[in-house]
Structures are given as structure tokens and as C-alpha cells.
N, C-alpha and C. Protein backbone atom coordinates (compact mmCIF):
# COMPACT_ATOMS: atom_id res chain seq x y z
N MET A 1 -14.10 7.69 -18.92
CA MET A 1 -13.35 7.22 -17.91
C MET A 1 -12.05 7.79 -18.62
N LYS A 2 -10.93 8.53 -17.28
CA LYS A 2 -9.95 8.80 -17.25
C LYS A 2 -9.03 7.29 -17.14
N SER A 3 -7.93 6.85 -17.99
CA SER A 3 -6.69 6.38 -17.54
C SER A 3 -5.72 6.15 -18.68
N ASP A 4 -4.58 6.39 -17.80
CA ASP A 4 -2.92 6.33 -18.21
C ASP A 4 -2.95 5.20 -18.67
N LEU A 5 -1.76 5.27 -19.95
CA LEU A 5 -0.88 3.96 -20.93
C LEU A 5 0.04 3.90 -19.47
N CYS A 6 -0.31 2.97 -18.73
CA CYS A 6 1.49 2.77 -17.77
C CYS A 6 1.53 0.85 -18.11
N ARG A 7 2.37 0.06 -18.03
CA ARG A 7 2.24 -1.19 -17.90
C ARG A 7 1.80 -2.35 -17.05
N ASP A 8 0.13 -1.54 -16.52
CA ASP A 8 -0.41 -2.00 -16.44
C ASP A 8 -1.82 -2.43 -16.51
N ASN A 9 -1.67 -1.26 -18.14
CA ASN A 9 -2.61 -1.46 -18.80
C ASN A 9 -2.61 -1.53 -20.86
N THR A 10 -0.95 -2.55 -20.81
CA THR A 10 -1.04 -2.65 -21.49
C THR A 10 -0.63 -4.15 -21.72
N LEU A 11 -0.37 -4.81 -22.65
CA LEU A 11 -0.38 -5.77 -22.73
C LEU A 11 0.27 -6.26 -23.55
N PHE A 12 1.31 -7.22 -24.06
CA PHE A 12 1.89 -8.04 -25.71
C PHE A 12 1.56 -9.13 -26.19
N GLU A 13 0.88 -9.12 -27.43
CA GLU A 13 0.06 -10.51 -28.14
C GLU A 13 1.21 -10.51 -28.62
N ILE A 14 1.94 -12.37 -28.02
CA ILE A 14 2.75 -13.13 -29.42
C ILE A 14 2.07 -13.60 -30.43
N PRO A 15 1.78 -13.63 -31.58
CA PRO A 15 0.93 -13.92 -32.45
C PRO A 15 1.57 -15.76 -32.82
N ASP A 16 2.87 -15.69 -32.53
CA ASP A 16 3.13 -17.25 -32.25
C ASP A 16 2.77 -18.15 -31.65
N LEU A 17 2.29 -17.14 -29.75
CA LEU A 17 1.45 -18.32 -29.36
C LEU A 17 0.75 -18.16 -29.21
N ASP A 18 -0.52 -17.14 -30.23
CA ASP A 18 -2.15 -17.61 -30.34
C ASP A 18 -2.55 -18.90 -30.26
N GLY A 19 -3.36 -18.78 -29.60
CA GLY A 19 -4.06 -20.54 -30.54
C GLY A 19 -3.33 -21.29 -29.56
N LYS A 20 -2.76 -21.53 -29.44
CA LYS A 20 -1.62 -22.72 -29.17
C LYS A 20 -1.83 -23.26 -27.81
N SER A 21 -2.58 -24.54 -27.16
CA SER A 21 -2.64 -25.04 -26.03
C SER A 21 -1.58 -24.96 -25.09
N GLU A 22 -1.87 -25.07 -23.54
CA GLU A 22 -1.23 -24.85 -22.83
C GLU A 22 -0.02 -25.43 -22.25
N GLN A 23 -0.06 -27.04 -23.56
CA GLN A 23 1.34 -28.10 -23.07
C GLN A 23 2.07 -27.41 -24.28
N ASP A 24 1.52 -26.87 -25.64
CA ASP A 24 2.17 -26.14 -26.84
C ASP A 24 3.00 -25.05 -26.50
N VAL A 25 2.53 -24.39 -25.71
CA VAL A 25 3.02 -23.09 -24.64
C VAL A 25 5.08 -23.86 -24.31
N LEU A 26 4.10 -24.16 -23.18
CA LEU A 26 4.98 -25.27 -21.96
C LEU A 26 6.44 -25.63 -23.19
N ASN A 27 6.38 -26.40 -24.32
CA ASN A 27 7.46 -27.22 -25.14
C ASN A 27 7.69 -26.08 -25.48
N THR A 28 7.29 -24.93 -25.90
CA THR A 28 7.55 -23.61 -26.57
C THR A 28 8.50 -23.00 -26.02
N LEU A 29 8.23 -22.54 -24.66
CA LEU A 29 8.84 -21.08 -23.50
C LEU A 29 9.85 -22.88 -23.00
N GLY A 30 9.12 -24.00 -22.66
CA GLY A 30 9.84 -24.51 -21.04
C GLY A 30 9.44 -24.50 -19.74
N ARG A 31 9.48 -25.78 -19.17
CA ARG A 31 8.37 -25.02 -17.95
C ARG A 31 9.14 -23.81 -16.89
N PRO A 32 7.84 -23.11 -16.98
CA PRO A 32 8.49 -21.77 -15.99
C PRO A 32 9.24 -21.93 -14.31
N GLU A 33 10.20 -21.30 -14.66
CA GLU A 33 10.90 -21.84 -12.67
C GLU A 33 9.83 -21.38 -11.65
N SER A 34 10.00 -22.26 -10.66
CA SER A 34 8.93 -21.83 -9.69
C SER A 34 9.92 -22.63 -8.38
N GLU A 35 9.36 -21.45 -6.75
CA GLU A 35 9.94 -22.33 -5.81
C GLU A 35 9.01 -22.04 -4.88
N PRO A 36 8.79 -23.04 -3.95
CA PRO A 36 7.69 -22.49 -2.62
C PRO A 36 7.83 -21.83 -2.08
N LEU A 37 6.86 -21.25 -1.46
CA LEU A 37 6.81 -19.90 -0.78
C LEU A 37 5.78 -19.69 0.45
N PHE A 38 6.60 -19.19 1.11
CA PHE A 38 6.18 -18.99 2.60
C PHE A 38 5.94 -17.83 3.55
N THR A 39 5.17 -17.75 4.42
CA THR A 39 5.07 -16.72 5.03
C THR A 39 6.49 -16.40 6.19
N GLN A 40 6.59 -15.18 6.58
CA GLN A 40 7.47 -14.87 7.31
C GLN A 40 7.18 -15.50 8.89
N ASP A 41 5.74 -15.54 9.08
CA ASP A 41 5.31 -15.56 10.40
C ASP A 41 4.53 -17.05 10.02
N GLN A 42 4.45 -18.27 10.31
CA GLN A 42 4.02 -19.41 9.68
C GLN A 42 2.51 -19.13 10.07
N SER A 43 1.71 -18.94 11.38
CA SER A 43 0.55 -18.03 12.48
C SER A 43 -0.12 -17.93 11.14
N HIS A 44 0.50 -17.16 9.69
CA HIS A 44 0.05 -15.61 8.72
C HIS A 44 0.09 -17.06 7.63
N GLN A 45 -0.05 -18.69 7.54
CA GLN A 45 0.58 -18.91 6.35
C GLN A 45 -1.22 -20.04 6.54
N THR A 46 -2.22 -19.58 5.25
CA THR A 46 -3.53 -20.15 5.34
C THR A 46 -3.32 -20.74 4.15
N GLU A 47 -4.25 -21.57 3.60
CA GLU A 47 -5.14 -22.03 2.75
C GLU A 47 -5.37 -21.19 1.39
N SER A 48 -5.76 -19.99 1.77
CA SER A 48 -5.52 -18.73 0.16
C SER A 48 -4.85 -17.97 -0.53
N LEU A 49 -2.99 -18.23 0.45
CA LEU A 49 -2.32 -17.70 0.00
C LEU A 49 -1.68 -19.23 -0.73
N PRO A 50 -0.66 -18.37 -1.85
CA PRO A 50 -0.25 -18.84 -3.02
C PRO A 50 0.71 -19.54 -2.26
N LYS A 51 1.06 -21.29 -2.85
CA LYS A 51 1.42 -22.09 -2.85
C LYS A 51 3.43 -21.87 -3.47
N TYR A 52 3.90 -21.89 -3.79
CA TYR A 52 4.55 -21.11 -4.83
C TYR A 52 4.29 -19.47 -5.21
N LEU A 53 5.78 -19.46 -5.64
CA LEU A 53 6.10 -18.10 -7.15
C LEU A 53 6.73 -18.84 -8.15
N VAL A 54 6.17 -18.11 -9.09
CA VAL A 54 6.48 -18.56 -10.52
C VAL A 54 7.05 -17.15 -11.21
N TYR A 55 7.89 -17.59 -11.73
CA TYR A 55 8.68 -16.83 -12.20
C TYR A 55 8.57 -16.14 -13.46
N PRO A 56 8.48 -15.51 -14.04
CA PRO A 56 8.03 -14.74 -15.63
C PRO A 56 8.82 -15.56 -16.86
N ALA A 57 8.31 -15.77 -17.39
CA ALA A 57 9.05 -16.97 -18.93
C ALA A 57 10.32 -16.03 -19.54
N SER A 58 11.39 -15.97 -20.00
CA SER A 58 11.77 -15.41 -21.10
C SER A 58 11.57 -15.66 -22.38
N LEU A 59 11.26 -14.20 -22.85
CA LEU A 59 10.42 -14.60 -24.29
C LEU A 59 11.74 -13.90 -25.63
N GLU A 60 13.46 -13.78 -24.36
CA GLU A 60 13.91 -13.41 -25.53
C GLU A 60 14.77 -14.22 -26.79
N LYS A 61 14.77 -15.31 -26.36
CA LYS A 61 15.15 -16.44 -27.43
C LYS A 61 13.58 -17.12 -28.15
N HIS A 62 12.28 -16.68 -27.75
CA HIS A 62 11.41 -17.20 -28.25
C HIS A 62 10.52 -15.84 -29.48
N VAL A 63 10.68 -14.90 -29.14
CA VAL A 63 9.96 -14.01 -30.25
C VAL A 63 11.41 -12.81 -30.49
N LYS A 64 10.33 -12.90 -31.31
CA LYS A 64 11.12 -11.28 -32.00
C LYS A 64 10.37 -10.58 -32.07
N LEU A 65 10.74 -8.23 -31.50
CA LEU A 65 10.47 -7.38 -31.00
C LEU A 65 9.08 -7.03 -32.72
N ASP A 66 9.74 -6.89 -33.62
CA ASP A 66 8.80 -6.95 -34.80
C ASP A 66 7.15 -7.74 -34.92
N ASP A 67 7.72 -9.09 -34.06
CA ASP A 67 6.43 -9.70 -34.03
C ASP A 67 5.67 -9.78 -33.16
N LEU A 68 5.79 -8.69 -32.14
CA LEU A 68 4.54 -7.94 -30.81
C LEU A 68 3.57 -7.34 -31.88
N ARG A 69 2.23 -7.70 -30.64
CA ARG A 69 1.82 -6.57 -30.92
C ARG A 69 1.11 -6.06 -29.65
N ILE A 70 1.15 -4.36 -29.41
CA ILE A 70 0.89 -3.99 -27.88
C ILE A 70 -0.89 -4.08 -28.38
N LYS A 71 -1.19 -4.21 -26.94
CA LYS A 71 -3.00 -4.56 -26.72
C LYS A 71 -2.81 -3.56 -25.19
N ILE A 72 -3.79 -2.26 -25.51
CA ILE A 72 -4.64 -1.72 -24.36
C ILE A 72 -5.88 -2.15 -24.02
N ILE A 73 -5.63 -2.19 -22.87
CA ILE A 73 -6.85 -2.38 -21.87
C ILE A 73 -6.65 -2.29 -20.75
N ASN A 74 -8.47 -1.88 -20.13
CA ASN A 74 -8.81 -1.11 -18.96
C ASN A 74 -10.10 -1.51 -18.52
N PHE A 75 -10.04 -2.14 -17.42
CA PHE A 75 -10.92 -3.06 -16.77
C PHE A 75 -11.55 -2.26 -15.67
N GLY A 76 -11.16 -1.13 -15.36
CA GLY A 76 -11.99 0.20 -15.04
C GLY A 76 -11.55 -0.18 -13.35
N GLU A 77 -12.51 0.94 -12.84
CA GLU A 77 -11.88 0.72 -11.57
C GLU A 77 -12.23 -0.70 -10.76
N GLY A 78 -13.58 -2.14 -10.69
CA GLY A 78 -13.47 -2.65 -10.93
C GLY A 78 -12.94 -3.70 -10.29
N SER A 79 -12.09 -3.92 -11.14
CA SER A 79 -10.40 -4.53 -10.49
C SER A 79 -9.54 -3.84 -9.82
N LEU A 80 -9.93 -2.75 -9.28
CA LEU A 80 -8.68 -1.85 -8.24
C LEU A 80 -9.47 -1.55 -7.20
N SER A 81 -10.62 -2.53 -6.36
CA SER A 81 -11.38 -2.65 -5.23
C SER A 81 -10.63 -2.05 -3.84
N TRP A 82 -9.21 -2.93 -4.30
CA TRP A 82 -9.05 -3.04 -3.03
C TRP A 82 -7.62 -1.90 -2.50
N SER A 83 -7.11 -1.64 -4.00
CA SER A 83 -5.59 -0.69 -3.89
C SER A 83 -6.42 0.11 -4.89
N ARG A 84 -4.96 1.24 -5.56
CA ARG A 84 -5.31 2.19 -6.09
C ARG A 84 -3.37 1.43 -7.00
N LEU A 85 -3.51 1.16 -8.49
CA LEU A 85 -2.15 1.32 -8.70
C LEU A 85 -1.76 2.44 -9.37
N ARG A 86 0.07 2.71 -9.04
CA ARG A 86 0.55 4.05 -9.39
C ARG A 86 1.58 3.51 -10.56
N CYS A 87 1.08 3.87 -11.95
CA CYS A 87 2.82 3.35 -12.80
C CYS A 87 3.90 3.91 -12.59
């Protein structure tokens, strides 16, 4: 299978967080910022939609670039059954 290298199949491993519990990660990075999520049309608000939006953690204060490990993944077509991602 041919796969292009892009953000959708590239991960960064952070060794200092590897093996830590969720609580330890929260203690290190702090609680993530979040806010309620609503549809513009309330008639489309269903139980299957997420209740809130969680912003990504900022790693700049906690991780040195030299400590990151790059991982390349490929979930194949199975994870793209509804759409085709473009990088």
C-alpha cells in the first residue's frame, strides 16, 4: 500500500510521558482547556455529538525537541471509510 508522509500518519512520542498514568500526565501538563460544543441548529444536536471541545495541550514548556521520537503509522483504508484525508 502506498502512503504519503503527512501529519495524519506521523506521531510524536514523548519519552517523559511514556508509561505515566492519566493523572500523572495531567499533573505534568495541567488540565486541558475545554468549552461546551453546540450545533448552530439545535434540532441537529444529538446524543452522539461531543458535549465539549478539548484544546490540545501546549508542550513547549514541558518537552525539549531533542527528546521527541517520531513515529510513522499507517492504519490503511479501514480508518478512512467515510472520507479521503488530504495532507
